Each structure stands twice: as C-alpha cells, then as structure tokens.
Amino acid sequence: MKRRLLVVDDEVGPRESLRAIFSRRYDVELADSAEAAMDVLTAKRIDLLMLDVMMPGKDGLALLKEVQGLYPQLPVVMISASTSVRPVVEAMRVGAYDYVSKPFDVEEILHIAERALESDRLQRCVEALESEVAREFPVEGVVGESDAFLAALEHVRKAADSDATVLISGESGTGKELAARMLHAFSTRKDEPFVAVHCAALPETLMESELFGHEKGAFTGADKQKPGRFDLAGAGTLFFDEVGEMPLTTQVKLLRVLQEREFMRVGGTRPIRTNARIVAATARDLKEEVKEGRFRDDLFYRLSVVPVRLPPLRERGGDVPRLAAYFLGLFGRSLDSSLDEFSPEAMELFCRYAWPGNIRELRNIIERMVVLHRRERVILPDHLPDEFREEPSPDAGLDVAGSLQDAVNAFERRMIEKALLDTGGVQTRAAEKLGTTRRILRYRMEKLDINVGNDG
C-alpha cells in the first residue's frame, strides 16, 4: 500500500509541481487552504503533510499548531518561498520535521520526504515497544527438534509467506506470542512494527479506545487525538493475545476491520483504512466458546484462515533436555552462576514431569534454581521442587469403584499416552514402541478418545 501525502499550498503551480514529483512513489492529496486541508485530514489517513508557510487566511504556522494538537504523530514538512528564517525557525520549534525552499530541488525534496516517513515508522516502532513495557522475549520457542514442534514451526514459516490471518492455539506457556513474533520476522512486514494487544489485560471500557484510538473531545479527558494500536501497527503485524477474552461488543468491531480493512476512532465520523496484518492467539477452545455464545462464529472463521497449534511441552518428547540446557546457560550467564549441568537423576525427573505450565514453568523453575544454588556446579534432585519427586500411587488414574474393563482402559490409555510422549507424538514410532501397528494404535486411540499425536 502506497503512503499518502497531503500537499497544502494556495498556489496552483507549486501544488501541481509537488503532485508531479511525488505521484510515482506516493498517493498525493491536494488542498488550497487550511480549511480544505482539515477536511482531508479528517476524511483520510495521511502519512506526511507538506505545508506552505505563507497562505491567506489561516497561514501554515497556525495550521501546523492545530495539526500538532490533533494529530501529534503526523510528520510535517514546511514549504517556504520567503528568505526570512524566522517562520522556518518557529515552525521547527512548534514541531515541523523539516522544511524545503521554493523553487524545489527534486532530489532534495524526495529525500526529505523519505526521511520524514522513515522517521515516523521508526517512532511507531519505538512506541510499540514502549507500550509493552520493554517485555523480554527469549528465543525458547525456536529451541527444539521434536516432530510435533518442528511441524508447528513449519506451519508458522508457511503462514508468514501470505497476508492471511493466523490463529495460534495452545495451552498457556507454550510460546504463542513468540510464535507470532517469529511469523512477523519471517514475513515481508518484518521492518514494520509488531504491536501486541493483550485482550485479557484490557478493561472492556478501554478496549475500543486502545485498539482504534480516539478523537479530541470524544470523552471527558480526551484533550487531543490519541492513536490506537492499529495506528501504531501501520503496515506491520497486530497481534491479539488471548483473543477469546475479547468482549462481544469489540468482536463486532474487529470483524468489521477484517471485512472492510477500515476502522473508526472513538468519537470519529469517518473510516480510516488499515493495512495491518492480524494474528491472534488463544488458550481456549474457540469452537466451544462459539457453541456457548461467548465468541462470534463469523469472527472465528475470519481469524482462523491459517490455524497453527503449538504442542504442549509434554508432547515435545526430547525437547525438555534441550530447553533446560538453554535456560541454564541463559540464566547462568546473566546471574554469574557456576551451575552448568544437570545430574542424570535430576534430568530424569525433568523428563518424567508433566509440565502443566509448559515452557514458562520450565523457564521459571530453572531461573529459581540458578538464583538459589548459583555457587554450586550441578543441579541435583534435591534442588527441584517437591512435586518433581512425588511418585504416583500404583492405582493412580484408576477408578477403583469401576469395572475391570474401566481399569484396563485406564491402564492402556496411560501406556499409549506415555509412548506418544516419548516419541514426540509420532504414531508410527509409538506403535513400534508398544509392539503393535499404527492401524491398531489408531483404532485404540479412537476407542479411548486420545487426540494426542500425528500421522508421521
């Protein structure tokens, strides 16, 4: 999508000259007065304003001050035919990005426009990072070689090649936001901002204003225009984390954005176009949420054009030792720790543990051990939390009040799930481990309603 420039000059000659200069690279809007310029700014998204200093009625400096109050993110380049430097100095003091002199030097004015637009893009990137309070995202999601993980990673890579909406599902702690960032990094939008919206953390009363921004005077305390997350994302990626927590009223508005590629600011009267790519994530079963009436079915299908499922850590087989070693090295360096390996007994307990909190739990536990035992060299079983050393009782998972067949089914279920866990979810290898065929294994899985694994 081309960037859009607005040229404001009361003289037709300079206006048309600037249209000719910029029209090959940008969409160009023209206005012959401050009033006409405000009409365009209200109606369309403008990426750069080229503003003449000397105009009858409201001059360029007055319009600049008004624009700075209403559209503080909009870069402005002043145009001056005067030999006096005072208006130019005043314009720069008020907030203009730069200025050019008449008559125009084509290469100079193109270069200034490019620099102004690039500065605006970088500023939006900075604001996007600041809005997330400089959160740290280590690369744990790219550590792993299990078939289940590599399959999910391949889905992410393939999805990055298109602009289709992507729905990332997975349990809490499996790295859904990291997968979204990887998708953005693999895409052609990688140089544009990645903006995250954490739906569960935003009150319903603030959700719409945060997403779409608001106009000056939209409500009490709205003393200037505020850009929303769609503004910050620009042509980048807008990530909705835990989209299942989004209120139904906001779901309707997000659906309109996906359908029409435009949104309305709170208090606004005209639609604004957006080129942001939408990626969403959820730990909930959105199909079930649709059945219960808590999530719109039309929005679900719009979001899940490309579904990506992140496997829980218990399905990633041999990735536990790799992740554990990665985090031990990460925290060992940052905390100046002497810990550099796991004892075989400690690693065995790590591999047997179910990891209900997934990668996030593993990361936190290792960080805790490094903090508490930093002057030791080897992680021992005694360093692990108590739950790692709790042995299941012989009849764990059995319904002793049930029939013999119930007990047999429960035992068979445990064996199959353990085999799938040990083989990274690959059914062919799990069948070999159990001494049976994949066809029989699939039959027993369907009979016992076991949904883990893949057809590899």
Protein backbone atom coordinates (compact mmCIF):
# COMPACT_ATOMS: atom_id res chain seq x y z
CA MET A 1 0.00 0.00 0.00
CA LYS A 2 1.40 3.40 -1.01
CA ARG A 3 1.95 6.05 1.63
CA ARG A 4 -0.34 9.08 1.26
CA LEU A 5 0.93 12.67 1.21
CA LEU A 6 -1.13 15.84 1.59
CA VAL A 7 0.22 18.97 -0.12
CA VAL A 8 -1.23 22.26 1.16
CA ASP A 9 -0.46 25.39 -0.89
CA ASP A 10 -2.72 28.22 -2.05
CA GLU A 11 -0.84 28.49 -5.36
CA VAL A 12 -1.80 26.02 -8.07
CA GLY A 13 1.69 25.91 -9.63
CA PRO A 14 3.59 24.60 -6.59
CA ARG A 15 0.73 22.19 -5.79
CA GLU A 16 0.82 20.61 -9.22
CA SER A 17 4.62 20.54 -9.23
CA LEU A 18 4.63 18.58 -5.97
CA ARG A 19 1.95 16.25 -7.30
CA ALA A 20 4.17 15.52 -10.32
CA ILE A 21 7.23 14.97 -8.11
CA PHE A 22 5.58 12.61 -5.63
CA SER A 23 2.86 10.80 -7.60
CA ARG A 24 5.15 8.00 -8.84
CA ARG A 25 6.02 6.91 -5.30
CA TYR A 26 3.06 8.05 -3.21
CA ASP A 27 -0.66 8.75 -3.31
CA VAL A 28 -0.95 12.55 -3.33
CA GLU A 29 -3.83 14.65 -1.98
CA LEU A 30 -4.02 18.39 -2.64
CA ALA A 31 -5.55 21.25 -0.63
CA ASP A 32 -5.52 25.01 -1.36
CA SER A 33 -6.28 26.25 2.17
CA ALA A 34 -6.06 25.31 5.83
CA GLU A 35 -9.79 24.58 5.89
CA ALA A 36 -9.56 22.24 2.87
CA ALA A 37 -6.55 20.53 4.48
CA MET A 38 -8.50 19.81 7.67
CA ASP A 39 -11.29 18.25 5.60
CA VAL A 40 -8.78 15.88 4.00
CA LEU A 41 -7.12 15.05 7.34
CA THR A 42 -10.49 14.22 8.84
CA ALA A 43 -11.54 12.03 5.93
CA LYS A 44 -8.34 10.08 5.14
CA ARG A 45 -5.26 8.66 6.76
CA ILE A 46 -2.33 10.93 5.84
CA ASP A 47 1.25 9.79 6.33
CA LEU A 48 3.06 13.06 5.57
CA LEU A 49 1.93 16.69 5.37
CA MET A 50 3.72 19.15 3.04
CA LEU A 51 2.62 22.58 4.25
CA ASP A 52 3.22 26.04 2.77
CA VAL A 53 4.19 28.66 5.34
CA MET A 54 2.56 31.69 3.68
CA MET A 55 -1.14 31.32 2.89
CA PRO A 56 -4.09 33.78 3.04
CA GLY A 57 -6.45 33.37 5.99
CA LYS A 58 -5.07 30.77 8.36
CA ASP A 59 -1.38 30.51 7.49
CA GLY A 60 0.90 27.48 7.61
CA LEU A 61 2.18 28.11 11.14
CA ALA A 62 -1.34 28.34 12.55
CA LEU A 63 -2.36 25.16 10.73
CA LEU A 64 0.81 23.43 11.94
CA LYS A 65 -0.07 24.19 15.56
CA GLU A 66 -3.60 22.88 15.04
CA VAL A 67 -2.33 19.71 13.38
CA GLN A 68 0.19 19.13 16.17
CA GLY A 69 -2.65 19.27 18.69
CA LEU A 70 -4.99 16.97 16.79
CA TYR A 71 -2.55 14.62 15.01
CA PRO A 72 0.64 14.60 17.10
CA GLN A 73 2.06 11.57 15.23
CA LEU A 74 1.81 13.16 11.76
CA PRO A 75 5.19 14.34 10.33
CA VAL A 76 5.04 17.80 8.73
CA VAL A 77 7.49 19.32 6.22
CA MET A 78 7.16 23.08 5.74
CA ILE A 79 7.43 24.79 2.34
CA SER A 80 8.83 28.31 2.29
CA ALA A 81 9.36 30.85 -0.50
CA SER A 82 10.46 33.55 1.95
CA THR A 83 14.09 34.47 2.51
CA SER A 84 13.29 35.14 6.17
CA VAL A 85 14.38 32.37 8.52
CA ARG A 86 12.05 33.43 11.34
CA PRO A 87 8.95 31.50 10.12
CA VAL A 88 11.06 28.44 9.47
CA VAL A 89 12.65 28.56 12.94
CA GLU A 90 9.20 28.99 14.51
CA ALA A 91 7.86 26.05 12.51
CA MET A 92 10.70 23.80 13.66
CA ARG A 93 10.15 24.91 17.24
CA VAL A 94 6.45 24.05 17.04
CA GLY A 95 7.27 20.57 15.76
CA ALA A 96 7.82 20.50 11.98
CA TYR A 97 10.11 17.69 10.86
CA ASP A 98 11.97 19.76 8.22
CA TYR A 99 11.48 22.41 5.55
CA VAL A 100 12.15 22.92 1.82
CA SER A 101 12.53 26.12 -0.14
CA LYS A 102 10.90 27.22 -3.39
CA PRO A 103 11.83 26.63 -6.16
CA PHE A 104 12.10 22.91 -5.43
CA ASP A 105 15.12 20.71 -5.91
CA VAL A 106 13.50 17.40 -6.86
CA GLU A 107 16.13 15.10 -5.35
CA GLU A 108 16.25 17.12 -2.15
CA ILE A 109 12.50 17.15 -1.60
CA LEU A 110 12.19 13.41 -2.34
CA HIS A 111 14.98 12.68 0.12
CA ILE A 112 13.37 14.83 2.84
CA ALA A 113 10.01 13.11 2.35
CA GLU A 114 11.61 9.66 2.57
CA ARG A 115 13.47 10.62 5.75
CA ALA A 116 10.31 12.02 7.33
CA LEU A 117 8.33 8.85 6.57
CA GLU A 118 11.14 6.61 7.81
CA SER A 119 11.43 8.66 11.00
CA ASP A 120 7.68 8.23 11.52
CA ARG A 121 7.95 4.46 11.01
CA LEU A 122 10.80 4.17 13.49
CA GLN A 123 8.92 6.30 16.01
CA ARG A 124 5.93 3.98 15.76
CA CYS A 125 8.24 1.01 16.30
CA VAL A 126 9.64 2.64 19.44
CA GLU A 127 6.18 3.46 20.76
CA ALA A 128 5.04 -0.08 20.10
CA LEU A 129 7.94 -1.39 22.19
CA GLU A 130 7.32 1.15 24.93
CA SER A 131 3.64 0.24 25.05
CA GLU A 132 4.69 -3.30 26.01
CA VAL A 133 6.98 -2.00 28.79
CA ALA A 134 10.07 -3.43 27.08
CA ARG A 135 8.97 -7.01 27.69
CA GLU A 136 11.67 -9.66 27.30
CA PHE A 137 11.02 -12.43 24.82
CA PRO A 138 13.82 -15.02 24.79
CA VAL A 139 14.03 -17.40 21.88
CA GLU A 140 12.89 -20.52 23.74
CA GLY A 141 10.30 -21.31 21.07
CA VAL A 142 12.98 -21.95 18.48
CA VAL A 143 14.77 -24.44 20.75
CA GLY A 144 13.58 -27.92 19.95
CA GLU A 145 13.80 -30.78 17.49
CA SER A 146 10.72 -32.88 18.29
CA ASP A 147 8.48 -33.72 15.36
CA ALA A 148 5.49 -32.03 16.99
CA PHE A 149 7.38 -28.77 17.46
CA LEU A 150 9.01 -28.78 14.03
CA ALA A 151 5.61 -29.33 12.41
CA ALA A 152 4.22 -26.27 14.21
CA LEU A 153 7.28 -24.24 13.24
CA GLU A 154 6.82 -25.21 9.59
CA HIS A 155 3.21 -24.00 9.75
CA VAL A 156 4.47 -20.65 11.06
CA ARG A 157 7.00 -20.33 8.24
CA LYS A 158 4.43 -21.16 5.57
CA ALA A 159 1.89 -18.73 7.04
CA ALA A 160 4.49 -15.95 7.00
CA ASP A 161 4.57 -16.04 3.20
CA SER A 162 0.99 -14.73 2.96
CA ASP A 163 -1.10 -11.92 4.43
CA ALA A 164 -3.79 -14.32 5.66
CA THR A 165 -4.99 -14.01 9.24
CA VAL A 166 -3.47 -16.63 11.55
CA LEU A 167 -4.94 -18.16 14.71
CA ILE A 168 -2.33 -19.66 17.05
CA SER A 169 -3.75 -22.05 19.64
CA GLY A 170 -2.04 -23.75 22.53
CA GLU A 171 -2.00 -24.13 26.28
CA SER A 172 -0.76 -21.33 28.49
CA GLY A 173 3.02 -21.11 28.44
CA THR A 174 3.59 -22.81 25.08
CA GLY A 175 5.01 -19.67 23.44
CA LYS A 176 2.10 -18.33 21.37
CA GLU A 177 3.31 -14.72 21.35
CA LEU A 178 6.81 -15.82 20.45
CA ALA A 179 5.36 -17.80 17.52
CA ALA A 180 3.53 -14.66 16.39
CA ARG A 181 6.77 -12.68 16.56
CA MET A 182 8.54 -15.38 14.56
CA LEU A 183 5.79 -15.22 11.94
CA HIS A 184 6.26 -11.44 11.74
CA ALA A 185 10.04 -11.81 11.49
CA PHE A 186 9.72 -14.32 8.62
CA SER A 187 7.26 -12.10 6.69
CA THR A 188 7.73 -9.20 4.27
CA ARG A 189 6.43 -6.92 7.05
CA LYS A 190 9.45 -7.58 9.28
CA ASP A 191 10.66 -3.95 9.02
CA GLU A 192 7.27 -2.62 10.17
CA PRO A 193 6.10 -2.63 13.82
CA PHE A 194 4.87 -5.68 15.70
CA VAL A 195 2.16 -4.49 18.10
CA ALA A 196 0.67 -6.78 20.75
CA VAL A 197 -2.77 -6.38 22.30
CA HIS A 198 -3.25 -8.44 25.46
CA CYS A 199 -7.02 -8.78 25.48
CA ALA A 200 -7.27 -10.23 28.98
CA ALA A 201 -5.38 -7.26 30.46
CA LEU A 202 -7.55 -4.50 28.95
CA PRO A 203 -10.80 -3.49 30.68
CA GLU A 204 -13.82 -3.60 28.39
CA THR A 205 -14.33 0.15 28.85
CA LEU A 206 -10.85 0.90 27.43
CA MET A 207 -10.63 -1.81 24.76
CA GLU A 208 -12.11 0.18 21.87
CA SER A 209 -10.06 3.31 22.56
CA GLU A 210 -6.85 1.26 22.86
CA LEU A 211 -7.47 -0.52 19.57
CA PHE A 212 -8.82 2.29 17.42
CA GLY A 213 -7.71 5.45 19.21
CA HIS A 214 -9.96 8.42 19.88
CA GLU A 215 -10.57 11.89 18.57
CA LYS A 216 -10.13 15.05 20.60
CA GLY A 217 -13.24 15.61 22.71
CA ALA A 218 -14.52 12.05 22.28
CA PHE A 219 -15.00 11.82 26.06
CA THR A 220 -14.03 13.63 29.22
CA GLY A 221 -10.27 13.97 29.38
CA ALA A 222 -9.72 13.40 25.64
CA ASP A 223 -7.88 16.69 25.11
CA LYS A 224 -6.14 15.57 21.92
CA GLN A 225 -6.32 12.86 19.31
CA LYS A 226 -4.83 9.56 20.53
CA PRO A 227 -3.57 6.94 18.08
CA GLY A 228 -4.70 3.36 18.68
CA ARG A 229 -2.91 0.07 18.22
CA PHE A 230 -3.99 -0.07 14.58
CA ASP A 231 -2.26 3.30 14.05
CA LEU A 232 0.90 2.06 15.76
CA ALA A 233 0.95 -1.13 13.70
CA GLY A 234 0.72 0.74 10.38
CA ALA A 235 1.56 -1.85 7.72
CA GLY A 236 3.04 -4.22 10.31
CA THR A 237 1.50 -7.00 12.39
CA LEU A 238 -1.20 -6.54 15.04
CA PHE A 239 -1.25 -9.46 17.48
CA PHE A 240 -4.31 -10.19 19.64
CA ASP A 241 -3.20 -12.35 22.57
CA GLU A 242 -5.96 -14.36 24.27
CA VAL A 243 -8.49 -13.17 21.72
CA GLY A 244 -11.09 -15.39 23.41
CA GLU A 245 -11.19 -12.82 26.24
CA MET A 246 -12.33 -10.05 23.89
CA PRO A 247 -15.81 -8.67 24.73
CA LEU A 248 -18.56 -9.39 22.21
CA THR A 249 -19.04 -5.68 21.51
CA THR A 250 -15.39 -5.35 20.47
CA GLN A 251 -15.56 -8.59 18.49
CA VAL A 252 -18.14 -6.96 16.22
CA LYS A 253 -15.81 -4.03 15.52
CA LEU A 254 -12.80 -6.28 14.90
CA LEU A 255 -14.88 -8.32 12.45
CA ARG A 256 -15.65 -5.13 10.52
CA VAL A 257 -11.94 -4.32 10.31
CA LEU A 258 -11.21 -7.78 8.93
CA GLN A 259 -14.02 -7.49 6.38
CA GLU A 260 -13.63 -3.86 5.28
CA ARG A 261 -9.95 -3.16 6.15
CA GLU A 262 -11.01 0.06 7.89
CA PHE A 263 -11.87 1.26 11.38
CA MET A 264 -13.42 4.23 13.15
CA ARG A 265 -11.80 6.10 16.02
CA VAL A 266 -13.87 6.65 19.15
CA GLY A 267 -15.65 9.94 18.53
CA GLY A 268 -14.72 9.84 14.85
CA THR A 269 -17.09 10.27 11.93
CA ARG A 270 -15.08 8.89 9.02
CA PRO A 271 -13.48 5.45 8.43
CA ILE A 272 -9.70 5.08 8.40
CA ARG A 273 -8.01 2.49 6.19
CA THR A 274 -5.59 -0.03 7.68
CA ASN A 275 -3.06 -2.37 6.10
CA ALA A 276 -2.07 -4.17 9.31
CA ARG A 277 -1.91 -7.96 9.32
CA ILE A 278 -3.98 -9.62 12.04
CA VAL A 279 -2.61 -12.55 14.06
CA ALA A 280 -4.50 -13.91 17.08
CA ALA A 281 -3.77 -16.44 19.81
CA THR A 282 -5.87 -18.32 22.32
CA ALA A 283 -5.53 -20.90 25.05
CA ARG A 284 -9.27 -21.51 24.93
CA ASP A 285 -11.20 -23.86 22.66
CA LEU A 286 -12.80 -21.18 20.49
CA LYS A 287 -15.13 -23.69 18.84
CA GLU A 288 -16.53 -24.44 22.28
CA GLU A 289 -16.69 -20.71 23.04
CA VAL A 290 -18.73 -20.26 19.86
CA LYS A 291 -21.14 -23.01 20.96
CA GLU A 292 -21.54 -21.32 24.34
CA GLY A 293 -22.24 -17.95 22.70
CA ARG A 294 -19.14 -16.26 24.11
CA PHE A 295 -17.37 -15.87 20.76
CA ARG A 296 -18.76 -14.94 17.37
CA ASP A 297 -18.66 -17.74 14.82
CA ASP A 298 -18.11 -15.32 11.91
CA LEU A 299 -15.10 -13.79 13.69
CA PHE A 300 -13.73 -17.25 14.49
CA TYR A 301 -13.72 -18.22 10.82
CA ARG A 302 -12.20 -14.88 9.81
CA LEU A 303 -9.36 -15.33 12.30
CA SER A 304 -8.61 -18.99 11.64
CA VAL A 305 -7.83 -18.81 7.93
CA VAL A 306 -4.48 -20.38 8.82
CA PRO A 307 -4.65 -22.28 12.13
CA VAL A 308 -1.40 -23.10 13.96
CA ARG A 309 -1.39 -25.37 17.01
CA LEU A 310 1.55 -25.21 19.41
CA PRO A 311 2.08 -28.53 21.19
CA PRO A 312 2.33 -28.58 24.98
CA LEU A 313 5.72 -29.47 26.40
CA ARG A 314 4.56 -32.97 27.40
CA GLU A 315 4.09 -33.72 23.66
CA ARG A 316 7.55 -32.48 22.71
CA GLY A 317 9.46 -35.55 23.86
CA GLY A 318 13.20 -34.95 23.83
CA ASP A 319 12.91 -31.15 23.76
CA VAL A 320 12.87 -30.92 27.58
CA PRO A 321 16.64 -31.53 27.97
CA ARG A 322 17.39 -29.05 25.16
CA LEU A 323 15.21 -26.34 26.67
CA ALA A 324 16.55 -26.99 30.16
CA ALA A 325 20.14 -26.67 28.94
CA TYR A 326 19.29 -23.48 27.03
CA PHE A 327 17.74 -21.78 30.08
CA LEU A 328 20.50 -22.98 32.38
CA GLY A 329 23.03 -21.29 30.10
CA LEU A 330 20.86 -18.16 29.74
CA PHE A 331 20.39 -17.57 33.46
CA GLY A 332 23.85 -18.81 34.33
CA ARG A 333 25.37 -16.02 32.24
CA SER A 334 23.03 -13.28 33.38
CA LEU A 335 23.30 -14.20 37.09
CA ASP A 336 27.00 -15.14 37.10
CA SER A 337 26.23 -18.66 38.27
CA SER A 338 28.54 -21.67 38.48
CA LEU A 339 25.72 -24.10 37.63
CA ASP A 340 26.43 -25.63 34.25
CA GLU A 341 24.86 -29.12 34.13
CA PHE A 342 22.15 -31.43 35.46
CA SER A 343 22.81 -34.66 37.26
CA PRO A 344 21.37 -37.69 35.40
CA GLU A 345 18.87 -38.21 38.24
CA ALA A 346 17.67 -34.57 38.07
CA MET A 347 17.31 -34.71 34.30
CA GLU A 348 15.33 -37.96 34.57
CA LEU A 349 12.90 -36.22 36.93
CA PHE A 350 12.69 -33.30 34.48
CA CYS A 351 11.79 -35.64 31.64
CA ARG A 352 9.19 -37.54 33.68
CA TYR A 353 7.42 -34.38 34.89
CA ALA A 354 4.14 -33.44 33.11
CA TRP A 355 4.91 -29.66 32.86
CA PRO A 356 1.37 -28.30 33.27
CA GLY A 357 2.78 -24.76 32.90
CA ASN A 358 4.75 -25.73 29.77
CA ILE A 359 7.84 -23.73 28.71
CA ARG A 360 7.03 -20.83 31.02
CA GLU A 361 7.05 -23.18 34.03
CA LEU A 362 10.34 -24.78 32.94
CA ARG A 363 11.93 -21.37 32.49
CA ASN A 364 10.78 -20.14 35.91
CA ILE A 365 11.94 -23.27 37.73
CA ILE A 366 15.42 -23.12 36.23
CA GLU A 367 15.71 -19.41 37.00
CA ARG A 368 14.74 -20.17 40.61
CA MET A 369 17.35 -22.93 40.90
CA VAL A 370 20.07 -20.69 39.47
CA VAL A 371 19.18 -17.95 41.97
CA LEU A 372 19.12 -20.32 44.95
CA HIS A 373 22.09 -22.54 44.04
CA ARG A 374 24.29 -20.33 41.91
CA ARG A 375 27.53 -21.28 43.70
CA GLU A 376 27.09 -25.00 43.06
CA ARG A 377 28.00 -26.63 39.77
CA VAL A 378 25.48 -29.44 39.25
CA ILE A 379 21.68 -29.39 39.61
CA LEU A 380 20.70 -32.30 41.87
CA PRO A 381 17.26 -33.85 42.55
CA ASP A 382 17.21 -32.12 45.95
CA HIS A 383 17.28 -28.75 44.17
CA LEU A 384 13.98 -29.46 42.40
CA PRO A 385 10.54 -28.56 43.76
CA ASP A 386 8.75 -31.23 45.79
CA GLU A 387 6.28 -32.08 43.03
CA PHE A 388 9.11 -33.48 40.89
CA ARG A 389 9.83 -36.20 43.43
CA GLU A 390 6.25 -37.25 44.12
CA GLU A 391 5.75 -40.80 42.89
CA PRO A 392 2.26 -41.66 41.63
CA SER A 393 0.50 -44.37 43.59
CA PRO A 394 0.16 -47.78 41.86
CA ASP A 395 -3.53 -47.19 41.20
CA ALA A 396 -3.15 -43.54 40.18
CA GLY A 397 -5.62 -42.67 37.45
CA LEU A 398 -7.79 -45.77 38.08
CA ASP A 399 -11.38 -45.63 39.21
CA VAL A 400 -11.32 -48.36 41.84
CA ALA A 401 -15.10 -48.22 42.09
CA GLY A 402 -15.44 -49.03 38.38
CA SER A 403 -15.35 -52.27 36.41
CA LEU A 404 -12.33 -54.33 35.43
CA GLN A 405 -12.73 -53.05 31.87
CA ASP A 406 -12.58 -49.45 33.14
CA ALA A 407 -9.30 -50.25 34.89
CA VAL A 408 -7.89 -51.94 31.75
CA ASN A 409 -8.89 -48.96 29.61
CA ALA A 410 -7.30 -46.53 32.05
CA PHE A 411 -4.05 -48.53 32.12
CA GLU A 412 -4.00 -48.80 28.30
CA ARG A 413 -4.62 -45.08 27.99
CA ARG A 414 -1.60 -44.36 30.24
CA MET A 415 0.62 -46.66 28.18
CA ILE A 416 -0.42 -45.08 24.86
CA GLU A 417 -0.06 -41.51 26.12
CA LYS A 418 3.38 -42.34 27.58
CA ALA A 419 4.51 -43.88 24.27
CA LEU A 420 3.28 -40.84 22.34
CA LEU A 421 5.05 -38.54 24.79
CA ASP A 422 8.32 -40.46 24.45
CA THR A 423 8.15 -40.33 20.62
CA GLY A 424 7.19 -36.68 20.25
CA GLY A 425 3.61 -37.57 19.23
CA VAL A 426 4.61 -39.63 16.15
CA GLN A 427 2.12 -42.50 15.97
CA THR A 428 4.28 -44.80 13.82
CA ARG A 429 7.13 -44.69 16.32
CA ALA A 430 4.73 -45.00 19.28
CA ALA A 431 3.22 -48.13 17.70
CA GLU A 432 6.69 -49.64 17.32
CA LYS A 433 7.45 -48.85 20.95
CA LEU A 434 4.23 -50.58 22.04
CA GLY A 435 4.86 -53.59 19.77
CA THR A 436 1.80 -53.05 17.60
CA THR A 437 0.86 -51.50 14.25
CA ARG A 438 -0.14 -47.91 13.58
CA ARG A 439 -3.58 -49.08 12.38
CA ILE A 440 -4.28 -50.88 15.65
CA LEU A 441 -2.86 -47.99 17.64
CA ARG A 442 -5.16 -45.53 15.82
CA TYR A 443 -8.12 -47.82 16.48
CA ARG A 444 -7.33 -47.97 20.21
CA MET A 445 -6.77 -44.19 20.33
CA GLU A 446 -10.18 -43.57 18.76
CA LYS A 447 -11.75 -46.08 21.14
CA LEU A 448 -10.18 -44.36 24.15
CA ASP A 449 -10.71 -40.82 22.76
CA ILE A 450 -6.98 -39.98 22.71
CA ASN A 451 -6.28 -36.99 20.46
CA VAL A 452 -2.51 -36.63 21.00
CA GLY A 453 -0.06 -37.25 18.19
CA ASN A 454 0.15 -37.05 14.42
CA ASP A 455 0.23 -39.44 11.49
CA GLY A 456 4.03 -39.28 10.99
